[in-house]
Amino acid sequence: MLSRLPRWIECGAFVLALVAGCVNAVALLGFQHQAVSHLSGTATLIGSALLNPNTEMLFHLIGILLSFLFGSFVSGFTLTGTSLKLGRFYDVLLVIEAMFLLVAMYLLLSGHTSGHYFASAACGLQNALATTYSGAIVRTTHLTGIFTDLGIMLGGSFQGKSLDKRKVFLFLVIIVGFISGGGLGAWLFQWIGFYALGIPSLLCVCLATLYRLYNVHLTRDEQAV
């Protein structure tokens, strides 16, 4: 599957991982240490809340989980294929993600915790987008699967199995992107608070614009042939 992806996919994966890392850093610093780019910790907290009943917190955590699911639903509804292909609505989804992040920023700056839900929906949308176009190879909003796959590949190489160098490189790109995004998000949050969510939103718009321009350019070249 990875061999059929275009060479520029690494650049897109880096930017998306950077966005997710940035959003998650803001979440951890500003949402009472509540992550939004993945759900393992949220699911654990829901289990804990069931043992120590706190109705408000329980429903809040469930809201974050369902928001992530909703974001994934939006991607699943919009995309019709399971492989990366120019002309599909990736740019539209990236703009929707940017809008989710801007709404989250506005609500959080206004003191409304419902902003958490829009940030979680943005991450769910992005993760589903990357999963769809890569055939479940690429995850950009969390690193658990990346490190697991990387460990399996390295372990297999010590048994003499061939190592997919491009896949290893892609995983390293995502890891560096997510960690860099985390550092950027933490720095921005200390500097400008929840306004920090405007930066990953802007990155999504820039990536959508580049994708659309590249698509138009390639279409013109094909028509000229």
C-alpha atoms as a PDB file:
ATOM      1  CA  MET A   1       0.000   0.000   0.000  1.00  0.00           C
ATOM      2  CA  LEU A   2       2.714   2.475   0.976  1.00  0.00           C
ATOM      3  CA  SER A   3       4.592   1.958  -2.285  1.00  0.00           C
ATOM      4  CA  ARG A   4       1.538   3.252  -4.168  1.00  0.00           C
ATOM      5  CA  LEU A   5       1.426   6.513  -2.221  1.00  0.00           C
ATOM      6  CA  PRO A   6       3.006   9.581  -3.900  1.00  0.00           C
ATOM      7  CA  ARG A   7       6.426  10.752  -2.790  1.00  0.00           C
ATOM      8  CA  TRP A   8       5.068  13.979  -1.301  1.00  0.00           C
ATOM      9  CA  ILE A   9       2.989  12.082   1.238  1.00  0.00           C
ATOM     10  CA  GLU A  10       5.807  12.352   3.795  1.00  0.00           C
ATOM     11  CA  CYS A  11       5.525  16.144   3.745  1.00  0.00           C
ATOM     12  CA  GLY A  12       1.770  15.985   4.297  1.00  0.00           C
ATOM     13  CA  ALA A  13       2.166  13.438   7.095  1.00  0.00           C
ATOM     14  CA  PHE A  14       4.720  15.666   8.830  1.00  0.00           C
ATOM     15  CA  VAL A  15       2.429  18.706   8.750  1.00  0.00           C
ATOM     16  CA  LEU A  16      -0.587  16.714   9.956  1.00  0.00           C
ATOM     17  CA  ALA A  17       1.434  15.170  12.795  1.00  0.00           C
ATOM     18  CA  LEU A  18       2.707  18.652  13.679  1.00  0.00           C
ATOM     19  CA  VAL A  19      -0.885  19.918  13.811  1.00  0.00           C
ATOM     20  CA  ALA A  20      -2.007  17.025  16.020  1.00  0.00           C
ATOM     21  CA  GLY A  21       0.934  17.387  18.375  1.00  0.00           C
ATOM     22  CA  CYS A  22       0.284  21.109  18.705  1.00  0.00           C
ATOM     23  CA  VAL A  23      -3.433  20.657  19.422  1.00  0.00           C
ATOM     24  CA  ASN A  24      -2.768  17.889  21.920  1.00  0.00           C
ATOM     25  CA  ALA A  25      -0.172  19.993  23.769  1.00  0.00           C
ATOM     26  CA  VAL A  26      -2.674  22.830  24.127  1.00  0.00           C
ATOM     27  CA  ALA A  27      -5.240  20.302  25.339  1.00  0.00           C
ATOM     28  CA  LEU A  28      -2.916  18.824  27.944  1.00  0.00           C
ATOM     29  CA  LEU A  29      -1.927  22.257  29.234  1.00  0.00           C
ATOM     30  CA  GLY A  30      -5.327  23.924  29.050  1.00  0.00           C
ATOM     31  CA  PHE A  31      -7.980  21.196  29.315  1.00  0.00           C
ATOM     32  CA  GLN A  32      -7.125  19.924  32.820  1.00  0.00           C
ATOM     33  CA  HIS A  33      -4.503  17.559  31.340  1.00  0.00           C
ATOM     34  CA  GLN A  34      -7.119  16.016  29.026  1.00  0.00           C
ATOM     35  CA  ALA A  35      -5.739  14.776  25.689  1.00  0.00           C
ATOM     36  CA  VAL A  36      -7.911  15.062  22.576  1.00  0.00           C
ATOM     37  CA  SER A  37      -5.781  13.581  19.786  1.00  0.00           C
ATOM     38  CA  HIS A  38      -6.352  10.001  20.984  1.00  0.00           C
ATOM     39  CA  LEU A  39      -8.924   8.268  23.171  1.00  0.00           C
ATOM     40  CA  SER A  40      -7.072   5.674  25.261  1.00  0.00           C
ATOM     41  CA  GLY A  41      -6.604   8.034  28.200  1.00  0.00           C
ATOM     42  CA  THR A  42     -10.152   9.360  27.842  1.00  0.00           C
ATOM     43  CA  ALA A  43     -11.610   5.850  27.924  1.00  0.00           C
ATOM     44  CA  THR A  44      -9.545   5.081  31.037  1.00  0.00           C
ATOM     45  CA  LEU A  45     -10.790   8.241  32.743  1.00  0.00           C
ATOM     46  CA  ILE A  46     -14.376   7.288  31.885  1.00  0.00           C
ATOM     47  CA  GLY A  47     -13.838   3.953  33.622  1.00  0.00           C
ATOM     48  CA  SER A  48     -12.400   5.748  36.650  1.00  0.00           C
ATOM     49  CA  ALA A  49     -15.318   8.193  36.727  1.00  0.00           C
ATOM     50  CA  LEU A  50     -17.740   5.268  36.881  1.00  0.00           C
ATOM     51  CA  LEU A  51     -16.147   4.135  40.144  1.00  0.00           C
ATOM     52  CA  ASN A  52     -16.031   7.617  41.614  1.00  0.00           C
ATOM     53  CA  PRO A  53     -19.279   9.116  40.332  1.00  0.00           C
ATOM     54  CA  ASN A  54     -18.847  12.644  39.063  1.00  0.00           C
ATOM     55  CA  THR A  55     -21.722  13.104  36.648  1.00  0.00           C
ATOM     56  CA  GLU A  56     -20.459  16.352  35.146  1.00  0.00           C
ATOM     57  CA  MET A  57     -16.982  14.983  34.454  1.00  0.00           C
ATOM     58  CA  LEU A  58     -18.360  11.672  33.189  1.00  0.00           C
ATOM     59  CA  PHE A  59     -20.572  13.322  30.599  1.00  0.00           C
ATOM     60  CA  HIS A  60     -17.765  15.686  29.620  1.00  0.00           C
ATOM     61  CA  LEU A  61     -15.414  12.768  28.925  1.00  0.00           C
ATOM     62  CA  ILE A  62     -18.105  10.924  26.977  1.00  0.00           C
ATOM     63  CA  GLY A  63     -18.634  14.127  24.991  1.00  0.00           C
ATOM     64  CA  ILE A  64     -14.939  14.206  24.032  1.00  0.00           C
ATOM     65  CA  LEU A  65     -15.113  10.566  22.939  1.00  0.00           C
ATOM     66  CA  LEU A  66     -18.244  11.089  20.864  1.00  0.00           C
ATOM     67  CA  SER A  67     -16.789  14.252  19.337  1.00  0.00           C
ATOM     68  CA  PHE A  68     -13.766  12.316  18.097  1.00  0.00           C
ATOM     69  CA  LEU A  69     -16.163   9.746  16.658  1.00  0.00           C
ATOM     70  CA  PHE A  70     -18.154  12.505  14.963  1.00  0.00           C
ATOM     71  CA  GLY A  71     -15.014  13.924  13.346  1.00  0.00           C
ATOM     72  CA  SER A  72     -14.155  10.466  12.006  1.00  0.00           C
ATOM     73  CA  PHE A  73     -17.735  10.160  10.742  1.00  0.00           C
ATOM     74  CA  VAL A  74     -17.374  13.388   8.781  1.00  0.00           C
ATOM     75  CA  SER A  75     -14.269  12.025   7.037  1.00  0.00           C
ATOM     76  CA  GLY A  76     -15.882   8.670   6.385  1.00  0.00           C
ATOM     77  CA  PHE A  77     -18.975  10.304   4.924  1.00  0.00           C
ATOM     78  CA  THR A  78     -17.008  12.702   2.717  1.00  0.00           C
ATOM     79  CA  LEU A  79     -14.381  10.321   1.327  1.00  0.00           C
ATOM     80  CA  THR A  80     -15.536   7.530  -0.954  1.00  0.00           C
ATOM     81  CA  GLY A  81     -12.258   5.754  -1.620  1.00  0.00           C
ATOM     82  CA  THR A  82      -9.692   3.906   0.470  1.00  0.00           C
ATOM     83  CA  SER A  83      -6.567   5.168  -1.280  1.00  0.00           C
ATOM     84  CA  LEU A  84      -4.997   8.540  -1.926  1.00  0.00           C
ATOM     85  CA  LYS A  85      -6.203  10.050  -5.188  1.00  0.00           C
ATOM     86  CA  LEU A  86      -6.043  13.615  -6.398  1.00  0.00           C
ATOM     87  CA  GLY A  87      -9.423  15.230  -6.826  1.00  0.00           C
ATOM     88  CA  ARG A  88     -10.966  13.852  -3.662  1.00  0.00           C
ATOM     89  CA  PHE A  89     -12.130  16.231  -0.956  1.00  0.00           C
ATOM     90  CA  TYR A  90      -9.018  16.262   1.236  1.00  0.00           C
ATOM     91  CA  ASP A  91      -8.794  20.051   1.008  1.00  0.00           C
ATOM     92  CA  VAL A  92     -12.438  20.407   2.060  1.00  0.00           C
ATOM     93  CA  LEU A  93     -11.852  18.204   5.090  1.00  0.00           C
ATOM     94  CA  LEU A  94      -8.736  20.152   6.046  1.00  0.00           C
ATOM     95  CA  VAL A  95     -10.730  23.392   5.914  1.00  0.00           C
ATOM     96  CA  ILE A  96     -13.440  21.809   8.075  1.00  0.00           C
ATOM     97  CA  GLU A  97     -10.748  20.764  10.540  1.00  0.00           C
ATOM     98  CA  ALA A  98      -9.447  24.327  10.586  1.00  0.00           C
ATOM     99  CA  MET A  99     -12.973  25.594  11.292  1.00  0.00           C
ATOM    100  CA  PHE A 100     -13.383  23.116  14.147  1.00  0.00           C
ATOM    101  CA  LEU A 101     -10.152  24.383  15.688  1.00  0.00           C
ATOM    102  CA  LEU A 102     -11.195  28.026  15.323  1.00  0.00           C
ATOM    103  CA  VAL A 103     -14.560  27.315  16.966  1.00  0.00           C
ATOM    104  CA  ALA A 104     -12.732  25.467  19.761  1.00  0.00           C
ATOM    105  CA  MET A 105     -10.430  28.470  20.222  1.00  0.00           C
ATOM    106  CA  TYR A 106     -13.346  30.914  20.352  1.00  0.00           C
ATOM    107  CA  LEU A 107     -15.321  28.843  22.862  1.00  0.00           C
ATOM    108  CA  LEU A 108     -12.341  28.220  25.129  1.00  0.00           C
ATOM    109  CA  LEU A 109     -11.378  31.886  25.097  1.00  0.00           C
ATOM    110  CA  SER A 110     -14.986  32.604  26.105  1.00  0.00           C
ATOM    111  CA  GLY A 111     -14.695  30.170  29.010  1.00  0.00           C
ATOM    112  CA  HIS A 112     -16.864  27.421  27.492  1.00  0.00           C
ATOM    113  CA  THR A 113     -15.543  23.886  27.973  1.00  0.00           C
ATOM    114  CA  SER A 114     -17.536  22.794  24.920  1.00  0.00           C
ATOM    115  CA  GLY A 115     -14.491  23.960  22.976  1.00  0.00           C
ATOM    116  CA  HIS A 116     -12.880  20.663  23.961  1.00  0.00           C
ATOM    117  CA  TYR A 117     -15.417  18.831  21.829  1.00  0.00           C
ATOM    118  CA  PHE A 118     -14.559  20.758  18.679  1.00  0.00           C
ATOM    119  CA  ALA A 119     -10.836  20.185  19.231  1.00  0.00           C
ATOM    120  CA  SER A 120     -11.494  16.460  19.650  1.00  0.00           C
ATOM    121  CA  ALA A 121     -13.689  16.408  16.521  1.00  0.00           C
ATOM    122  CA  ALA A 122     -10.867  18.059  14.568  1.00  0.00           C
ATOM    123  CA  CYS A 123      -8.449  15.330  15.643  1.00  0.00           C
ATOM    124  CA  GLY A 124     -10.942  12.577  14.839  1.00  0.00           C
ATOM    125  CA  LEU A 125     -11.498  14.045  11.382  1.00  0.00           C
ATOM    126  CA  GLN A 126      -7.765  14.256  10.725  1.00  0.00           C
ATOM    127  CA  ASN A 127      -7.000  10.755  11.948  1.00  0.00           C
ATOM    128  CA  ALA A 128      -9.755   9.275   9.800  1.00  0.00           C
ATOM    129  CA  LEU A 129      -8.536  11.278   6.806  1.00  0.00           C
ATOM    130  CA  ALA A 130      -4.981   9.944   7.124  1.00  0.00           C
ATOM    131  CA  THR A 131      -6.191   6.414   7.860  1.00  0.00           C
ATOM    132  CA  THR A 132      -8.436   6.392   4.792  1.00  0.00           C
ATOM    133  CA  TYR A 133      -5.877   7.585   2.275  1.00  0.00           C
ATOM    134  CA  SER A 134      -3.113   5.309   3.597  1.00  0.00           C
ATOM    135  CA  GLY A 135      -5.085   2.092   3.979  1.00  0.00           C
ATOM    136  CA  ALA A 136      -4.704   2.227   7.790  1.00  0.00           C
ATOM    137  CA  ILE A 137      -0.905   2.477   7.511  1.00  0.00           C
ATOM    138  CA  VAL A 138      -0.603   6.061   8.708  1.00  0.00           C
ATOM    139  CA  ARG A 139      -1.860   7.555  11.950  1.00  0.00           C
ATOM    140  CA  THR A 140      -1.046  11.220  12.528  1.00  0.00           C
ATOM    141  CA  THR A 141      -2.820  12.041  15.797  1.00  0.00           C
ATOM    142  CA  HIS A 142      -1.070   9.546  18.083  1.00  0.00           C
ATOM    143  CA  LEU A 143       2.141   7.514  18.114  1.00  0.00           C
ATOM    144  CA  THR A 144       1.254   4.208  19.807  1.00  0.00           C
ATOM    145  CA  GLY A 145       0.625   2.334  16.564  1.00  0.00           C
ATOM    146  CA  ILE A 146       3.607   3.996  14.888  1.00  0.00           C
ATOM    147  CA  PHE A 147       6.030   2.870  17.584  1.00  0.00           C
ATOM    148  CA  THR A 148       4.453  -0.609  17.637  1.00  0.00           C
ATOM    149  CA  ASP A 149       4.805  -1.054  13.870  1.00  0.00           C
ATOM    150  CA  LEU A 150       8.321   0.363  13.949  1.00  0.00           C
ATOM    151  CA  GLY A 151       9.306  -2.073  16.698  1.00  0.00           C
ATOM    152  CA  ILE A 152       7.845  -5.016  14.766  1.00  0.00           C
ATOM    153  CA  MET A 153       9.728  -4.008  11.629  1.00  0.00           C
ATOM    154  CA  LEU A 154      13.030  -3.586  13.462  1.00  0.00           C
ATOM    155  CA  GLY A 155      12.556  -6.897  15.271  1.00  0.00           C
ATOM    156  CA  GLY A 156      11.879  -8.625  11.971  1.00  0.00           C
ATOM    157  CA  SER A 157      14.982  -7.097  10.420  1.00  0.00           C
ATOM    158  CA  PHE A 158      17.088  -8.752  13.126  1.00  0.00           C
ATOM    159  CA  GLN A 159      15.622 -12.061  11.941  1.00  0.00           C
ATOM    160  CA  GLY A 160      16.845 -11.353   8.446  1.00  0.00           C
ATOM    161  CA  LYS A 161      13.585 -10.029   7.008  1.00  0.00           C
ATOM    162  CA  SER A 162      13.763  -7.149   4.546  1.00  0.00           C
ATOM    163  CA  LEU A 163      13.244  -3.709   6.041  1.00  0.00           C
ATOM    164  CA  ASP A 164      10.935  -1.288   4.247  1.00  0.00           C
ATOM    165  CA  LYS A 165      13.135   1.798   4.449  1.00  0.00           C
ATOM    166  CA  ARG A 166      10.492   4.142   3.110  1.00  0.00           C
ATOM    167  CA  LYS A 167       8.015   2.990   5.736  1.00  0.00           C
ATOM    168  CA  VAL A 168      10.605   3.471   8.475  1.00  0.00           C
ATOM    169  CA  PHE A 169      11.365   6.954   7.145  1.00  0.00           C
ATOM    170  CA  LEU A 170       7.653   7.833   7.069  1.00  0.00           C
ATOM    171  CA  PHE A 171       7.211   6.679  10.660  1.00  0.00           C
ATOM    172  CA  LEU A 172      10.211   8.737  11.768  1.00  0.00           C
ATOM    173  CA  VAL A 173       8.804  11.765   9.950  1.00  0.00           C
ATOM    174  CA  ILE A 174       5.497  11.390  11.820  1.00  0.00           C
ATOM    175  CA  ILE A 175       7.255  10.949  15.172  1.00  0.00           C
ATOM    176  CA  VAL A 176       9.407  14.038  14.646  1.00  0.00           C
ATOM    177  CA  GLY A 177       6.373  15.994  13.430  1.00  0.00           C
ATOM    178  CA  PHE A 178       4.218  15.078  16.433  1.00  0.00           C
ATOM    179  CA  ILE A 179       6.953  15.818  18.970  1.00  0.00           C
ATOM    180  CA  SER A 180       7.803  19.100  17.227  1.00  0.00           C
ATOM    181  CA  GLY A 181       4.117  20.001  17.272  1.00  0.00           C
ATOM    182  CA  GLY A 182       3.982  19.261  20.972  1.00  0.00           C
ATOM    183  CA  GLY A 183       6.870  21.609  21.606  1.00  0.00           C
ATOM    184  CA  LEU A 184       5.323  24.291  19.406  1.00  0.00           C
ATOM    185  CA  GLY A 185       1.937  23.946  21.086  1.00  0.00           C
ATOM    186  CA  ALA A 186       3.420  24.170  24.589  1.00  0.00           C
ATOM    187  CA  TRP A 187       5.418  27.271  23.679  1.00  0.00           C
ATOM    188  CA  LEU A 188       2.452  28.941  22.000  1.00  0.00           C
ATOM    189  CA  PHE A 189       0.127  28.177  24.910  1.00  0.00           C
ATOM    190  CA  GLN A 190       2.532  29.743  27.398  1.00  0.00           C
ATOM    191  CA  TRP A 191       2.783  32.779  25.135  1.00  0.00           C
ATOM    192  CA  ILE A 192      -0.775  33.363  23.877  1.00  0.00           C
ATOM    193  CA  GLY A 193      -2.998  30.823  25.664  1.00  0.00           C
ATOM    194  CA  PHE A 194      -5.842  29.313  23.654  1.00  0.00           C
ATOM    195  CA  TYR A 195      -5.051  31.598  20.725  1.00  0.00           C
ATOM    196  CA  ALA A 196      -2.412  28.915  20.064  1.00  0.00           C
ATOM    197  CA  LEU A 197      -5.100  26.828  18.329  1.00  0.00           C
ATOM    198  CA  GLY A 198      -5.092  29.407  15.543  1.00  0.00           C
ATOM    199  CA  ILE A 199      -1.673  28.182  14.365  1.00  0.00           C
ATOM    200  CA  PRO A 200      -2.636  24.555  13.616  1.00  0.00           C
ATOM    201  CA  SER A 201      -5.825  25.912  12.055  1.00  0.00           C
ATOM    202  CA  LEU A 202      -3.733  28.084   9.737  1.00  0.00           C
ATOM    203  CA  LEU A 203      -1.499  25.113   8.889  1.00  0.00           C
ATOM    204  CA  CYS A 204      -4.566  23.098   7.858  1.00  0.00           C
ATOM    205  CA  VAL A 205      -5.696  25.902   5.537  1.00  0.00           C
ATOM    206  CA  CYS A 206      -2.203  26.196   4.039  1.00  0.00           C
ATOM    207  CA  LEU A 207      -2.014  22.442   3.443  1.00  0.00           C
ATOM    208  CA  ALA A 208      -5.479  22.456   1.853  1.00  0.00           C
ATOM    209  CA  THR A 209      -4.468  25.338  -0.422  1.00  0.00           C
ATOM    210  CA  LEU A 210      -1.253  23.617  -1.514  1.00  0.00           C
ATOM    211  CA  TYR A 211      -3.157  20.419  -2.238  1.00  0.00           C
ATOM    212  CA  ARG A 212      -5.748  22.254  -4.330  1.00  0.00           C
ATOM    213  CA  LEU A 213      -3.112  24.193  -6.295  1.00  0.00           C
ATOM    214  CA  TYR A 214      -1.133  21.018  -6.949  1.00  0.00           C
ATOM    215  CA  ASN A 215      -4.289  19.247  -8.063  1.00  0.00           C
ATOM    216  CA  VAL A 216      -5.201  22.055 -10.485  1.00  0.00           C
ATOM    217  CA  HIS A 217      -1.659  22.144 -11.878  1.00  0.00           C
ATOM    218  CA  LEU A 218      -1.560  18.376 -12.421  1.00  0.00           C
ATOM    219  CA  THR A 219      -4.997  18.393 -14.046  1.00  0.00           C
ATOM    220  CA  ARG A 220      -3.894  21.092 -16.500  1.00  0.00           C
ATOM    221  CA  ASP A 221      -0.775  19.118 -17.398  1.00  0.00           C
ATOM    222  CA  GLU A 222      -2.851  15.984 -18.055  1.00  0.00           C
ATOM    223  CA  GLN A 223      -5.287  17.914 -20.257  1.00  0.00           C
ATOM    224  CA  ALA A 224      -2.402  19.416 -22.219  1.00  0.00           C
ATOM    225  CA  VAL A 225      -1.069  15.968 -23.123  1.00  0.00           C
END
